[in-house]
Amino acid sequence: MAYDKFSRFYDLIMGDRSDAARYITDLIAHHKPEAKTVLEIACGTGTILGILSESYEVAGLDRSRPMHAIARKKLPHVRFYRQDITSFRIAQRFDAIVSAFDSINHLLRFTDWERTLRAVKRHLNDGGLFIFDVNTLGKLQRLSAGPAWEKWFDRDLVIIKVIGGRRNKFI
């Protein structure tokens, strides 16, 4: 799994995500002001959860063992589940569920999108809120036509390039 190897560089590469976390907090406050509980699926290293935990009782879910381990270490007060977003089952329902940073784009089959949406629905309280974002086909095409993204971290160089493939699949 790609994120298993990427996990040790993830926070360095992604940088400060406080603006995104505050935007999510604002969305929840606006659309579900009475929300008290929030689950982040595909939570990665837990950075968004750390900020959400200032306002909500939070939990995180991710299938990558290394990402899960980093999140637990960063946020020992948060409950984490190591499960797949397409089939998760936990013994709790939430007022809001969040999936940030285009995580759903990693689902390559429409049936996996359907399974994920069913799992989310199963874990939302009545009238619950699901917040997610996606990279659209147009954005992925623009990214694949553009140059690679490069960033130095001390003596390490990271190069990220979106490559368009057949049938509108991108890597």
Protein backbone atom coordinates (compact mmCIF):
# COMPACT_ATOMS: atom_id res chain seq x y z
CA MET A 1 0.00 0.00 0.00
CA ALA A 2 1.47 3.34 -1.07
CA TYR A 3 0.68 5.19 2.16
CA ASP A 4 2.57 2.63 4.24
CA LYS A 5 5.84 3.83 2.69
CA PHE A 6 4.70 7.44 2.37
CA SER A 7 3.65 7.69 6.04
CA ARG A 8 7.01 8.76 7.42
CA PHE A 9 7.14 11.75 5.04
CA TYR A 10 3.43 12.53 4.93
CA ASP A 11 3.29 15.36 7.48
CA LEU A 12 6.40 17.03 6.04
CA ILE A 13 5.03 16.92 2.51
CA MET A 14 1.47 17.92 3.35
CA GLY A 15 2.60 20.77 5.57
CA ASP A 16 0.34 22.82 7.81
CA ARG A 17 -3.27 21.77 7.34
CA SER A 18 -4.80 24.09 9.91
CA ASP A 19 -6.66 26.13 7.27
CA ALA A 20 -8.33 22.98 5.94
CA ALA A 21 -9.22 21.84 9.46
CA ARG A 22 -10.70 25.21 10.33
CA TYR A 23 -12.71 25.19 7.09
CA ILE A 24 -14.11 21.77 8.03
CA THR A 25 -14.91 23.04 11.53
CA ASP A 26 -16.73 26.03 10.00
CA LEU A 27 -18.72 23.74 7.68
CA ILE A 28 -19.80 21.56 10.59
CA ALA A 29 -20.70 24.59 12.72
CA HIS A 30 -22.76 26.08 9.89
CA HIS A 31 -24.56 22.96 8.67
CA LYS A 32 -24.80 20.95 11.91
CA PRO A 33 -24.33 23.44 14.78
CA GLU A 34 -25.49 20.93 17.39
CA ALA A 35 -22.82 18.39 16.35
CA LYS A 36 -20.80 16.92 19.18
CA THR A 37 -19.19 13.82 17.62
CA VAL A 38 -17.07 13.61 14.46
CA LEU A 39 -15.42 10.66 12.70
CA GLU A 40 -12.71 11.26 10.13
CA ILE A 41 -12.35 8.41 7.66
CA ALA A 42 -9.01 7.99 5.88
CA CYS A 43 -7.61 10.19 8.67
CA GLY A 44 -3.97 9.51 7.87
CA THR A 45 -1.66 10.84 10.55
CA GLY A 46 -4.51 12.59 12.39
CA THR A 47 -3.56 16.21 11.83
CA ILE A 48 -7.11 17.30 10.96
CA LEU A 49 -8.43 15.36 13.96
CA GLY A 50 -6.08 17.18 16.28
CA ILE A 51 -7.68 20.49 15.38
CA LEU A 52 -11.23 19.09 15.27
CA SER A 53 -10.70 17.66 18.76
CA GLU A 54 -10.57 21.23 20.10
CA SER A 55 -14.31 21.53 19.34
CA TYR A 56 -15.67 17.97 19.08
CA GLU A 57 -15.40 14.47 20.47
CA VAL A 58 -13.52 12.86 17.59
CA ALA A 59 -12.47 9.45 16.31
CA GLY A 60 -10.33 8.48 13.34
CA LEU A 61 -10.28 5.60 10.91
CA ASP A 62 -7.53 4.56 8.48
CA ARG A 63 -6.42 1.23 7.03
CA SER A 64 -2.68 1.97 6.82
CA ARG A 65 -0.90 0.51 9.83
CA PRO A 66 1.98 3.06 9.75
CA MET A 67 -0.36 6.05 9.32
CA HIS A 68 -2.53 4.68 12.12
CA ALA A 69 0.52 4.33 14.40
CA ILE A 70 1.62 7.93 13.77
CA ALA A 71 -1.90 9.24 14.44
CA ARG A 72 -2.17 7.29 17.72
CA LYS A 73 1.19 8.62 18.86
CA LYS A 74 0.28 12.24 17.99
CA LEU A 75 -3.19 12.03 19.55
CA PRO A 76 -3.24 9.52 22.41
CA HIS A 77 -6.55 10.97 23.67
CA VAL A 78 -8.37 10.09 20.39
CA ARG A 79 -9.95 6.74 19.57
CA PHE A 80 -8.66 5.23 16.30
CA TYR A 81 -9.87 2.32 14.20
CA ARG A 82 -7.72 0.53 11.63
CA GLN A 83 -10.27 -0.38 8.98
CA ASP A 84 -11.01 0.20 5.31
CA ILE A 85 -13.38 3.07 4.47
CA THR A 86 -15.35 0.84 2.11
CA SER A 87 -16.39 -1.64 4.78
CA PHE A 88 -15.86 -0.16 8.23
CA ARG A 89 -18.06 -1.21 11.12
CA ILE A 90 -17.66 0.33 14.54
CA ALA A 91 -20.04 0.40 17.49
CA GLN A 92 -20.74 4.12 17.35
CA ARG A 93 -22.68 6.64 15.29
CA PHE A 94 -21.60 10.23 14.72
CA ASP A 95 -23.12 13.64 14.11
CA ALA A 96 -20.64 14.28 11.30
CA ILE A 97 -18.23 12.20 9.25
CA VAL A 98 -15.38 13.82 7.33
CA SER A 99 -13.09 12.66 4.54
CA ALA A 100 -10.49 15.29 3.61
CA PHE A 101 -7.74 15.70 1.02
CA ASP A 102 -9.47 13.86 -1.82
CA SER A 103 -9.21 10.53 -0.02
CA ILE A 104 -12.23 9.17 -1.84
CA ASN A 105 -10.32 9.57 -5.11
CA HIS A 106 -8.30 6.52 -4.08
CA LEU A 107 -11.38 4.38 -4.64
CA LEU A 108 -11.03 3.19 -8.20
CA ARG A 109 -14.32 1.35 -8.65
CA PHE A 110 -17.76 2.89 -8.47
CA THR A 111 -18.87 -0.04 -6.32
CA ASP A 112 -16.27 1.02 -3.72
CA TRP A 113 -17.76 4.52 -3.69
CA GLU A 114 -21.19 2.96 -3.12
CA ARG A 115 -19.86 0.73 -0.32
CA THR A 116 -18.18 3.72 1.34
CA LEU A 117 -21.33 5.82 1.19
CA ARG A 118 -23.33 2.95 2.70
CA ALA A 119 -20.79 2.57 5.52
CA VAL A 120 -20.92 6.32 6.17
CA LYS A 121 -24.72 6.30 6.24
CA ARG A 122 -24.69 3.37 8.68
CA HIS A 123 -22.52 5.38 11.08
CA LEU A 124 -24.28 8.75 10.90
CA ASN A 125 -26.89 9.81 13.43
CA ASP A 126 -30.24 10.83 11.95
CA GLY A 127 -29.76 14.12 10.11
CA GLY A 128 -25.99 13.62 10.21
CA LEU A 129 -23.54 15.45 7.97
CA PHE A 130 -20.98 13.92 5.58
CA ILE A 131 -18.25 16.27 4.35
CA PHE A 132 -15.85 15.09 1.65
CA ASP A 133 -13.89 16.49 -1.26
CA VAL A 134 -12.71 15.01 -4.55
CA ASN A 135 -10.35 15.82 -7.35
CA THR A 136 -12.51 16.19 -10.44
CA LEU A 137 -11.57 14.74 -13.80
CA GLY A 138 -10.82 18.26 -15.03
CA LYS A 139 -8.47 18.98 -12.13
CA LEU A 140 -6.65 15.67 -12.56
CA GLN A 141 -6.22 16.38 -16.29
CA ARG A 142 -4.79 19.84 -15.50
CA LEU A 143 -2.43 18.35 -12.90
CA SER A 144 -1.23 15.67 -15.32
CA ALA A 145 -0.58 18.32 -18.01
CA GLY A 146 1.41 20.45 -15.57
CA PRO A 147 4.94 20.09 -14.26
CA ALA A 148 6.02 17.86 -11.41
CA TRP A 149 5.86 19.34 -7.91
CA GLU A 150 9.23 19.35 -6.13
CA LYS A 151 10.12 20.16 -2.54
CA TRP A 152 13.31 19.77 -0.54
CA PHE A 153 13.23 18.65 3.11
CA ASP A 154 16.73 19.13 4.44
CA ARG A 155 18.70 16.68 2.28
CA ASP A 156 15.67 14.81 0.94
CA LEU A 157 13.86 15.71 -2.27
CA VAL A 158 10.25 14.77 -2.95
CA ILE A 159 8.92 14.86 -6.52
CA ILE A 160 5.22 14.37 -7.16
CA LYS A 161 3.83 14.08 -10.67
CA VAL A 162 0.26 13.24 -11.63
CA ILE A 163 0.25 10.99 -14.68
CA GLY A 164 -2.86 10.45 -16.76
CA GLY A 165 -3.53 6.98 -17.96
CA ARG A 166 -6.07 5.22 -20.08
CA ARG A 167 -9.76 5.47 -19.33
CA ASN A 168 -9.28 8.57 -17.14
CA LYS A 169 -7.25 6.79 -14.46
CA PHE A 170 -4.46 8.79 -12.88
CA ILE A 171 -1.45 7.88 -10.77
